[in-house]
Amino acid sequence: MGMPVITPGDGTREQAITDLIQSVALQEAALAHIMNAEGEKMQKIIAMEDVNTDELMELNKSVTQLISAVSRLEMLFTAKLELFANEQEEQYQ
């Protein structure tokens, strides 16, 4: 995945909302890549012949922390999008 090209908007409110939605989408894509990498790491560790219970418990702790962090970020992303959702609904009523 290459770096996204982000172009400056025209300064309107609509452009700001579009930019916010795009930023959340990019953050979501980054989180998906992080979660995928964590899944691949888990598969490699679990497949190791000499893996022991302590290592699996440490892996579990790491995964739990990552999922907790991702969950908190998802709540922030949702809050960002909800900033404008109510206004958009009111405009179209």
PDB file of N, CA and C in Angstrom:
ATOM      1  N   MET A   1       0.853  -1.184   0.000  1.00  0.00           N
ATOM      2  CA  MET A   1       0.000   0.000   0.000  1.00  0.00           C
ATOM      3  C   MET A   1       0.885   1.228   0.000  1.00  0.00           C
ATOM      4  N   GLY A   2       0.695   2.080  -0.989  1.00  0.00           N
ATOM      5  CA  GLY A   2       1.464   3.305  -1.066  1.00  0.00           C
ATOM      6  C   GLY A   2       0.830   4.397  -0.217  1.00  0.00           C
ATOM      7  N   MET A   3       1.541   5.479  -0.106  1.00  0.00           N
ATOM      8  CA  MET A   3       1.013   6.619   0.640  1.00  0.00           C
ATOM      9  C   MET A   3      -0.108   7.261  -0.158  1.00  0.00           C
ATOM     10  N   PRO A   4      -1.213   7.606   0.497  1.00  0.00           N
ATOM     11  CA  PRO A   4      -2.306   8.258  -0.222  1.00  0.00           C
ATOM     12  C   PRO A   4      -1.931   9.683  -0.594  1.00  0.00           C
ATOM     13  N   VAL A   5      -2.497  10.143  -1.677  1.00  0.00           N
ATOM     14  CA  VAL A   5      -2.294  11.522  -2.097  1.00  0.00           C
ATOM     15  C   VAL A   5      -3.453  12.333  -1.533  1.00  0.00           C
ATOM     16  N   ILE A   6      -3.114  13.284  -0.700  1.00  0.00           N
ATOM     17  CA  ILE A   6      -4.142  14.119  -0.078  1.00  0.00           C
ATOM     18  C   ILE A   6      -4.011  15.518  -0.662  1.00  0.00           C
ATOM     19  N   THR A   7      -5.076  15.961  -1.315  1.00  0.00           N
ATOM     20  CA  THR A   7      -5.060  17.286  -1.925  1.00  0.00           C
ATOM     21  C   THR A   7      -5.830  18.250  -1.042  1.00  0.00           C
ATOM     22  N   PRO A   8      -5.381  19.488  -0.950  1.00  0.00           N
ATOM     23  CA  PRO A   8      -6.096  20.459  -0.120  1.00  0.00           C
ATOM     24  C   PRO A   8      -7.477  20.748  -0.689  1.00  0.00           C
ATOM     25  N   GLY A   9      -8.431  20.932   0.212  1.00  0.00           N
ATOM     26  CA  GLY A   9      -9.794  21.224  -0.210  1.00  0.00           C
ATOM     27  C   GLY A   9      -9.969  22.687  -0.564  1.00  0.00           C
ATOM     28  N   ASP A  10     -11.207  23.050  -0.870  1.00  0.00           N
ATOM     29  CA  ASP A  10     -11.498  24.422  -1.280  1.00  0.00           C
ATOM     30  C   ASP A  10     -11.953  25.303  -0.112  1.00  0.00           C
ATOM     31  N   GLY A  11     -11.917  24.767   1.098  1.00  0.00           N
ATOM     32  CA  GLY A  11     -12.244  25.568   2.269  1.00  0.00           C
ATOM     33  C   GLY A  11     -13.712  25.632   2.620  1.00  0.00           C
ATOM     34  N   THR A  12     -14.566  24.938   1.883  1.00  0.00           N
ATOM     35  CA  THR A  12     -15.989  24.967   2.193  1.00  0.00           C
ATOM     36  C   THR A  12     -16.304  23.946   3.284  1.00  0.00           C
ATOM     37  N   ARG A  13     -17.438  24.104   3.899  1.00  0.00           N
ATOM     38  CA  ARG A  13     -17.891  23.168   4.927  1.00  0.00           C
ATOM     39  C   ARG A  13     -18.067  21.769   4.338  1.00  0.00           C
ATOM     40  N   GLU A  14     -18.622  21.700   3.135  1.00  0.00           N
ATOM     41  CA  GLU A  14     -18.832  20.414   2.485  1.00  0.00           C
ATOM     42  C   GLU A  14     -17.501  19.708   2.245  1.00  0.00           C
ATOM     43  N   GLN A  15     -16.485  20.487   1.855  1.00  0.00           N
ATOM     44  CA  GLN A  15     -15.163  19.902   1.629  1.00  0.00           C
ATOM     45  C   GLN A  15     -14.563  19.430   2.947  1.00  0.00           C
ATOM     46  N   ALA A  16     -14.786  20.172   4.014  1.00  0.00           N
ATOM     47  CA  ALA A  16     -14.277  19.769   5.327  1.00  0.00           C
ATOM     48  C   ALA A  16     -14.903  18.440   5.756  1.00  0.00           C
ATOM     49  N   ILE A  17     -16.191  18.282   5.511  1.00  0.00           N
ATOM     50  CA  ILE A  17     -16.871  17.031   5.846  1.00  0.00           C
ATOM     51  C   ILE A  17     -16.322  15.895   4.998  1.00  0.00           C
ATOM     52  N   THR A  18     -16.137  16.146   3.713  1.00  0.00           N
ATOM     53  CA  THR A  18     -15.563  15.139   2.823  1.00  0.00           C
ATOM     54  C   THR A  18     -14.159  14.754   3.277  1.00  0.00           C
ATOM     55  N   ASP A  19     -13.361  15.750   3.647  1.00  0.00           N
ATOM     56  CA  ASP A  19     -11.997  15.483   4.121  1.00  0.00           C
ATOM     57  C   ASP A  19     -12.021  14.646   5.401  1.00  0.00           C
ATOM     58  N   LEU A  20     -12.961  14.946   6.281  1.00  0.00           N
ATOM     59  CA  LEU A  20     -13.075  14.178   7.524  1.00  0.00           C
ATOM     60  C   LEU A  20     -13.431  12.727   7.233  1.00  0.00           C
ATOM     61  N   ILE A  21     -14.375  12.521   6.344  1.00  0.00           N
ATOM     62  CA  ILE A  21     -14.768  11.155   5.986  1.00  0.00           C
ATOM     63  C   ILE A  21     -13.599  10.417   5.343  1.00  0.00           C
ATOM     64  N   GLN A  22     -12.860  11.091   4.482  1.00  0.00           N
ATOM     65  CA  GLN A  22     -11.697  10.465   3.856  1.00  0.00           C
ATOM     66  C   GLN A  22     -10.630  10.122   4.887  1.00  0.00           C
ATOM     67  N   SER A  23     -10.427  10.994   5.866  1.00  0.00           N
ATOM     68  CA  SER A  23      -9.408  10.718   6.883  1.00  0.00           C
ATOM     69  C   SER A  23      -9.799   9.509   7.722  1.00  0.00           C
ATOM     70  N   VAL A  24     -11.078   9.388   8.047  1.00  0.00           N
ATOM     71  CA  VAL A  24     -11.543   8.224   8.799  1.00  0.00           C
ATOM     72  C   VAL A  24     -11.361   6.957   7.964  1.00  0.00           C
ATOM     73  N   ALA A  25     -11.658   7.044   6.670  1.00  0.00           N
ATOM     74  CA  ALA A  25     -11.479   5.879   5.798  1.00  0.00           C
ATOM     75  C   ALA A  25     -10.013   5.453   5.751  1.00  0.00           C
ATOM     76  N   LEU A  26      -9.096   6.411   5.663  1.00  0.00           N
ATOM     77  CA  LEU A  26      -7.671   6.085   5.663  1.00  0.00           C
ATOM     78  C   LEU A  26      -7.243   5.466   6.992  1.00  0.00           C
ATOM     79  N   GLN A  27      -7.771   5.981   8.086  1.00  0.00           N
ATOM     80  CA  GLN A  27      -7.448   5.429   9.400  1.00  0.00           C
ATOM     81  C   GLN A  27      -7.988   4.007   9.528  1.00  0.00           C
ATOM     82  N   GLU A  28      -9.165   3.792   9.005  1.00  0.00           N
ATOM     83  CA  GLU A  28      -9.749   2.448   9.031  1.00  0.00           C
ATOM     84  C   GLU A  28      -8.894   1.475   8.226  1.00  0.00           C
ATOM     85  N   ALA A  29      -8.418   1.914   7.069  1.00  0.00           N
ATOM     86  CA  ALA A  29      -7.564   1.058   6.244  1.00  0.00           C
ATOM     87  C   ALA A  29      -6.263   0.733   6.976  1.00  0.00           C
ATOM     88  N   ALA A  30      -5.690   1.723   7.644  1.00  0.00           N
ATOM     89  CA  ALA A  30      -4.460   1.489   8.404  1.00  0.00           C
ATOM     90  C   ALA A  30      -4.695   0.485   9.522  1.00  0.00           C
ATOM     91  N   LEU A  31      -5.809   0.622  10.217  1.00  0.00           N
ATOM     92  CA  LEU A  31      -6.136  -0.336  11.284  1.00  0.00           C
ATOM     93  C   LEU A  31      -6.335  -1.739  10.728  1.00  0.00           C
ATOM     94  N   ALA A  32      -6.939  -1.840   9.565  1.00  0.00           N
ATOM     95  CA  ALA A  32      -7.131  -3.155   8.944  1.00  0.00           C
ATOM     96  C   ALA A  32      -5.785  -3.806   8.652  1.00  0.00           C
ATOM     97  N   HIS A  33      -4.822  -3.015   8.196  1.00  0.00           N
ATOM     98  CA  HIS A  33      -3.491  -3.552   7.928  1.00  0.00           C
ATOM     99  C   HIS A  33      -2.804  -3.995   9.220  1.00  0.00           C
ATOM    100  N   ILE A  34      -2.962  -3.212  10.264  1.00  0.00           N
ATOM    101  CA  ILE A  34      -2.373  -3.568  11.562  1.00  0.00           C
ATOM    102  C   ILE A  34      -2.986  -4.865  12.083  1.00  0.00           C
ATOM    103  N   MET A  35      -4.306  -4.957  12.001  1.00  0.00           N
ATOM    104  CA  MET A  35      -4.984  -6.174  12.483  1.00  0.00           C
ATOM    105  C   MET A  35      -4.567  -7.388  11.647  1.00  0.00           C
ATOM    106  N   ASN A  36      -4.417  -7.221  10.351  1.00  0.00           N
ATOM    107  CA  ASN A  36      -3.991  -8.323   9.491  1.00  0.00           C
ATOM    108  C   ASN A  36      -2.580  -8.774   9.863  1.00  0.00           C
ATOM    109  N   ALA A  37      -1.686  -7.819  10.091  1.00  0.00           N
ATOM    110  CA  ALA A  37      -0.309  -8.159  10.477  1.00  0.00           C
ATOM    111  C   ALA A  37      -0.303  -8.900  11.814  1.00  0.00           C
ATOM    112  N   GLU A  38      -1.141  -8.470  12.724  1.00  0.00           N
ATOM    113  CA  GLU A  38      -1.232  -9.156  14.029  1.00  0.00           C
ATOM    114  C   GLU A  38      -1.743 -10.579  13.848  1.00  0.00           C
ATOM    115  N   GLY A  39      -2.707 -10.764  12.968  1.00  0.00           N
ATOM    116  CA  GLY A  39      -3.223 -12.102  12.694  1.00  0.00           C
ATOM    117  C   GLY A  39      -2.156 -13.012  12.100  1.00  0.00           C
ATOM    118  N   GLU A  40      -1.357 -12.467  11.194  1.00  0.00           N
ATOM    119  CA  GLU A  40      -0.274 -13.257  10.605  1.00  0.00           C
ATOM    120  C   GLU A  40       0.768 -13.622  11.658  1.00  0.00           C
ATOM    121  N   LYS A  41       1.066 -12.680  12.543  1.00  0.00           N
ATOM    122  CA  LYS A  41       2.009 -12.950  13.636  1.00  0.00           C
ATOM    123  C   LYS A  41       1.472 -14.063  14.527  1.00  0.00           C
ATOM    124  N   MET A  42       0.198 -13.995  14.845  1.00  0.00           N
ATOM    125  CA  MET A  42      -0.414 -15.029  15.686  1.00  0.00           C
ATOM    126  C   MET A  42      -0.300 -16.402  15.037  1.00  0.00           C
ATOM    127  N   GLN A  43      -0.603 -16.463  13.752  1.00  0.00           N
ATOM    128  CA  GLN A  43      -0.539 -17.746  13.049  1.00  0.00           C
ATOM    129  C   GLN A  43       0.869 -18.335  13.099  1.00  0.00           C
ATOM    130  N   LYS A  44       1.879 -17.493  12.928  1.00  0.00           N
ATOM    131  CA  LYS A  44       3.256 -17.980  12.956  1.00  0.00           C
ATOM    132  C   LYS A  44       3.647 -18.474  14.334  1.00  0.00           C
ATOM    133  N   ILE A  45       3.258 -17.746  15.356  1.00  0.00           N
ATOM    134  CA  ILE A  45       3.600 -18.155  16.722  1.00  0.00           C
ATOM    135  C   ILE A  45       2.884 -19.446  17.080  1.00  0.00           C
ATOM    136  N   ILE A  46       1.611 -19.543  16.764  1.00  0.00           N
ATOM    137  CA  ILE A  46       0.832 -20.741  17.097  1.00  0.00           C
ATOM    138  C   ILE A  46       1.371 -21.958  16.360  1.00  0.00           C
ATOM    139  N   ALA A  47       1.865 -21.766  15.141  1.00  0.00           N
ATOM    140  CA  ALA A  47       2.371 -22.888  14.339  1.00  0.00           C
ATOM    141  C   ALA A  47       3.762 -23.355  14.772  1.00  0.00           C
ATOM    142  N   MET A  48       4.431 -22.581  15.623  1.00  0.00           N
ATOM    143  CA  MET A  48       5.776 -22.979  16.066  1.00  0.00           C
ATOM    144  C   MET A  48       5.704 -24.284  16.860  1.00  0.00           C
ATOM    145  N   GLU A  49       6.630 -25.176  16.580  1.00  0.00           N
ATOM    146  CA  GLU A  49       6.628 -26.479  17.266  1.00  0.00           C
ATOM    147  C   GLU A  49       6.979 -26.357  18.737  1.00  0.00           C
ATOM    148  N   ASP A  50       7.863 -25.438  19.061  1.00  0.00           N
ATOM    149  CA  ASP A  50       8.338 -25.356  20.444  1.00  0.00           C
ATOM    150  C   ASP A  50       7.656 -24.253  21.264  1.00  0.00           C
ATOM    151  N   VAL A  51       6.503 -23.762  20.798  1.00  0.00           N
ATOM    152  CA  VAL A  51       5.799 -22.714  21.536  1.00  0.00           C
ATOM    153  C   VAL A  51       5.263 -23.304  22.846  1.00  0.00           C
ATOM    154  N   ASN A  52       5.386 -22.517  23.919  1.00  0.00           N
ATOM    155  CA  ASN A  52       4.899 -23.017  25.213  1.00  0.00           C
ATOM    156  C   ASN A  52       3.710 -22.181  25.689  1.00  0.00           C
ATOM    157  N   THR A  53       3.116 -22.614  26.755  1.00  0.00           N
ATOM    158  CA  THR A  53       1.906 -21.974  27.286  1.00  0.00           C
ATOM    159  C   THR A  53       2.166 -20.526  27.670  1.00  0.00           C
ATOM    160  N   ASP A  54       3.315 -20.245  28.276  1.00  0.00           N
ATOM    161  CA  ASP A  54       3.620 -18.866  28.666  1.00  0.00           C
ATOM    162  C   ASP A  54       3.686 -17.944  27.449  1.00  0.00           C
ATOM    163  N   GLU A  55       4.279 -18.426  26.368  1.00  0.00           N
ATOM    164  CA  GLU A  55       4.355 -17.623  25.150  1.00  0.00           C
ATOM    165  C   GLU A  55       2.969 -17.392  24.557  1.00  0.00           C
ATOM    166  N   LEU A  56       2.127 -18.409  24.606  1.00  0.00           N
ATOM    167  CA  LEU A  56       0.761 -18.247  24.102  1.00  0.00           C
ATOM    168  C   LEU A  56      -0.039 -17.276  24.972  1.00  0.00           C
ATOM    169  N   MET A  57       0.189 -17.314  26.260  1.00  0.00           N
ATOM    170  CA  MET A  57      -0.500 -16.376  27.155  1.00  0.00           C
ATOM    171  C   MET A  57      -0.029 -14.945  26.897  1.00  0.00           C
ATOM    172  N   GLU A  58       1.265 -14.771  26.632  1.00  0.00           N
ATOM    173  CA  GLU A  58       1.794 -13.445  26.308  1.00  0.00           C
ATOM    174  C   GLU A  58       1.215 -12.951  24.982  1.00  0.00           C
ATOM    175  N   LEU A  59       1.098 -13.842  24.023  1.00  0.00           N
ATOM    176  CA  LEU A  59       0.478 -13.509  22.746  1.00  0.00           C
ATOM    177  C   LEU A  59      -0.970 -13.078  22.965  1.00  0.00           C
ATOM    178  N   ASN A  60      -1.678 -13.818  23.774  1.00  0.00           N
ATOM    179  CA  ASN A  60      -3.074 -13.490  24.078  1.00  0.00           C
ATOM    180  C   ASN A  60      -3.178 -12.104  24.715  1.00  0.00           C
ATOM    181  N   LYS A  61      -2.272 -11.801  25.625  1.00  0.00           N
ATOM    182  CA  LYS A  61      -2.276 -10.488  26.281  1.00  0.00           C
ATOM    183  C   LYS A  61      -2.030  -9.380  25.254  1.00  0.00           C
ATOM    184  N   SER A  62      -1.085  -9.612  24.367  1.00  0.00           N
ATOM    185  CA  SER A  62      -0.772  -8.632  23.324  1.00  0.00           C
ATOM    186  C   SER A  62      -1.973  -8.394  22.413  1.00  0.00           C
ATOM    187  N   VAL A  63      -2.639  -9.465  22.014  1.00  0.00           N
ATOM    188  CA  VAL A  63      -3.809  -9.356  21.138  1.00  0.00           C
ATOM    189  C   VAL A  63      -4.943  -8.622  21.858  1.00  0.00           C
ATOM    190  N   THR A  64      -5.144  -8.931  23.113  1.00  0.00           N
ATOM    191  CA  THR A  64      -6.181  -8.266  23.901  1.00  0.00           C
ATOM    192  C   THR A  64      -5.927  -6.765  23.981  1.00  0.00           C
ATOM    193  N   GLN A  65      -4.668  -6.383  24.206  1.00  0.00           N
ATOM    194  CA  GLN A  65      -4.325  -4.960  24.269  1.00  0.00           C
ATOM    195  C   GLN A  65      -4.552  -4.277  22.923  1.00  0.00           C
ATOM    196  N   LEU A  66      -4.180  -4.953  21.845  1.00  0.00           N
ATOM    197  CA  LEU A  66      -4.376  -4.381  20.514  1.00  0.00           C
ATOM    198  C   LEU A  66      -5.860  -4.200  20.219  1.00  0.00           C
ATOM    199  N   ILE A  67      -6.650  -5.199  20.509  1.00  0.00           N
ATOM    200  CA  ILE A  67      -8.087  -5.104  20.247  1.00  0.00           C
ATOM    201  C   ILE A  67      -8.711  -3.995  21.086  1.00  0.00           C
ATOM    202  N   SER A  68      -8.267  -3.847  22.311  1.00  0.00           N
ATOM    203  CA  SER A  68      -8.774  -2.776  23.170  1.00  0.00           C
ATOM    204  C   SER A  68      -8.431  -1.409  22.579  1.00  0.00           C
ATOM    205  N   ALA A  69      -7.190  -1.253  22.115  1.00  0.00           N
ATOM    206  CA  ALA A  69      -6.773   0.016  21.515  1.00  0.00           C
ATOM    207  C   ALA A  69      -7.566   0.294  20.237  1.00  0.00           C
ATOM    208  N   VAL A  70      -7.754  -0.720  19.409  1.00  0.00           N
ATOM    209  CA  VAL A  70      -8.517  -0.553  18.172  1.00  0.00           C
ATOM    210  C   VAL A  70      -9.962  -0.182  18.486  1.00  0.00           C
ATOM    211  N   SER A  71     -10.527  -0.800  19.496  1.00  0.00           N
ATOM    212  CA  SER A  71     -11.911  -0.484  19.890  1.00  0.00           C
ATOM    213  C   SER A  71     -12.038   0.975  20.307  1.00  0.00           C
ATOM    214  N   ARG A  72     -11.068   1.469  21.071  1.00  0.00           N
ATOM    215  CA  ARG A  72     -11.107   2.876  21.480  1.00  0.00           C
ATOM    216  C   ARG A  72     -10.996   3.794  20.266  1.00  0.00           C
ATOM    217  N   LEU A  73     -10.125   3.440  19.331  1.00  0.00           N
ATOM    218  CA  LEU A  73      -9.992   4.246  18.120  1.00  0.00           C
ATOM    219  C   LEU A  73     -11.278   4.236  17.302  1.00  0.00           C
ATOM    220  N   GLU A  74     -11.921   3.087  17.226  1.00  0.00           N
ATOM    221  CA  GLU A  74     -13.182   2.998  16.481  1.00  0.00           C
ATOM    222  C   GLU A  74     -14.235   3.913  17.092  1.00  0.00           C
ATOM    223  N   MET A  75     -14.260   4.009  18.419  1.00  0.00           N
ATOM    224  CA  MET A  75     -15.208   4.916  19.074  1.00  0.00           C
ATOM    225  C   MET A  75     -14.899   6.365  18.700  1.00  0.00           C
ATOM    226  N   LEU A  76     -13.614   6.708  18.626  1.00  0.00           N
ATOM    227  CA  LEU A  76     -13.244   8.064  18.223  1.00  0.00           C
ATOM    228  C   LEU A  76     -13.629   8.344  16.779  1.00  0.00           C
ATOM    229  N   PHE A  77     -13.411   7.356  15.898  1.00  0.00           N
ATOM    230  CA  PHE A  77     -13.787   7.536  14.499  1.00  0.00           C
ATOM    231  C   PHE A  77     -15.288   7.749  14.381  1.00  0.00           C
ATOM    232  N   THR A  78     -16.048   6.972  15.123  1.00  0.00           N
ATOM    233  CA  THR A  78     -17.506   7.111  15.105  1.00  0.00           C
ATOM    234  C   THR A  78     -17.913   8.492  15.597  1.00  0.00           C
ATOM    235  N   ALA A  79     -17.267   8.946  16.659  1.00  0.00           N
ATOM    236  CA  ALA A  79     -17.585  10.277  17.191  1.00  0.00           C
ATOM    237  C   ALA A  79     -17.280  11.359  16.160  1.00  0.00           C
ATOM    238  N   LYS A  80     -16.178  11.214  15.434  1.00  0.00           N
ATOM    239  CA  LYS A  80     -15.848  12.187  14.389  1.00  0.00           C
ATOM    240  C   LYS A  80     -16.956  12.256  13.351  1.00  0.00           C
ATOM    241  N   LEU A  81     -17.387  11.099  12.898  1.00  0.00           N
ATOM    242  CA  LEU A  81     -18.412  11.074  11.856  1.00  0.00           C
ATOM    243  C   LEU A  81     -19.760  11.572  12.364  1.00  0.00           C
ATOM    244  N   GLU A  82     -20.059  11.309  13.625  1.00  0.00           N
ATOM    245  CA  GLU A  82     -21.334  11.746  14.186  1.00  0.00           C
ATOM    246  C   GLU A  82     -21.406  13.254  14.374  1.00  0.00           C
ATOM    247  N   LEU A  83     -20.264  13.913  14.381  1.00  0.00           N
ATOM    248  CA  LEU A  83     -20.270  15.376  14.499  1.00  0.00           C
ATOM    249  C   LEU A  83     -21.136  16.012  13.420  1.00  0.00           C
ATOM    250  N   PHE A  84     -21.085  15.427  12.239  1.00  0.00           N
ATOM    251  CA  PHE A  84     -21.797  16.012  11.111  1.00  0.00           C
ATOM    252  C   PHE A  84     -23.038  15.228  10.712  1.00  0.00           C
ATOM    253  N   ALA A  85     -23.181  14.030  11.193  1.00  0.00           N
ATOM    254  CA  ALA A  85     -24.305  13.173  10.789  1.00  0.00           C
ATOM    255  C   ALA A  85     -25.644  13.806  11.144  1.00  0.00           C
ATOM    256  N   ASN A  86     -25.759  14.317  12.360  1.00  0.00           N
ATOM    257  CA  ASN A  86     -27.033  14.924  12.786  1.00  0.00           C
ATOM    258  C   ASN A  86     -27.368  16.150  11.945  1.00  0.00           C
ATOM    259  N   GLU A  87     -26.357  16.951  11.640  1.00  0.00           N
ATOM    260  CA  GLU A  87     -26.594  18.141  10.824  1.00  0.00           C
ATOM    261  C   GLU A  87     -27.041  17.760   9.419  1.00  0.00           C
ATOM    262  N   GLN A  88     -26.418  16.742   8.864  1.00  0.00           N
ATOM    263  CA  GLN A  88     -26.788  16.299   7.517  1.00  0.00           C
ATOM    264  C   GLN A  88     -28.225  15.794   7.488  1.00  0.00           C
ATOM    265  N   GLU A  89     -28.614  15.057   8.528  1.00  0.00           N
ATOM    266  CA  GLU A  89     -29.985  14.539   8.591  1.00  0.00           C
ATOM    267  C   GLU A  89     -30.979  15.685   8.663  1.00  0.00           C
ATOM    268  N   GLU A  90     -30.656  16.726   9.466  1.00  0.00           N
ATOM    269  CA  GLU A  90     -31.558  17.861   9.607  1.00  0.00           C
ATOM    270  C   GLU A  90     -31.687  18.648   8.308  1.00  0.00           C
ATOM    271  N   GLN A  91     -30.604  18.718   7.531  1.00  0.00           N
ATOM    272  CA  GLN A  91     -30.641  19.451   6.261  1.00  0.00           C
ATOM    273  C   GLN A  91     -31.595  18.797   5.279  1.00  0.00           C
ATOM    274  N   TYR A  92     -31.677  17.478   5.302  1.00  0.00           N
ATOM    275  CA  TYR A  92     -32.477  16.762   4.300  1.00  0.00           C
ATOM    276  C   TYR A  92     -33.888  16.466   4.754  1.00  0.00           C
ATOM    277  N   GLN A  93     -34.279  16.994   5.887  1.00  0.00           N
ATOM    278  CA  GLN A  93     -35.658  16.777   6.360  1.00  0.00           C
ATOM    279  C   GLN A  93     -36.539  17.923   5.955  1.00  0.00           C
TER     280      GLN A  93
END
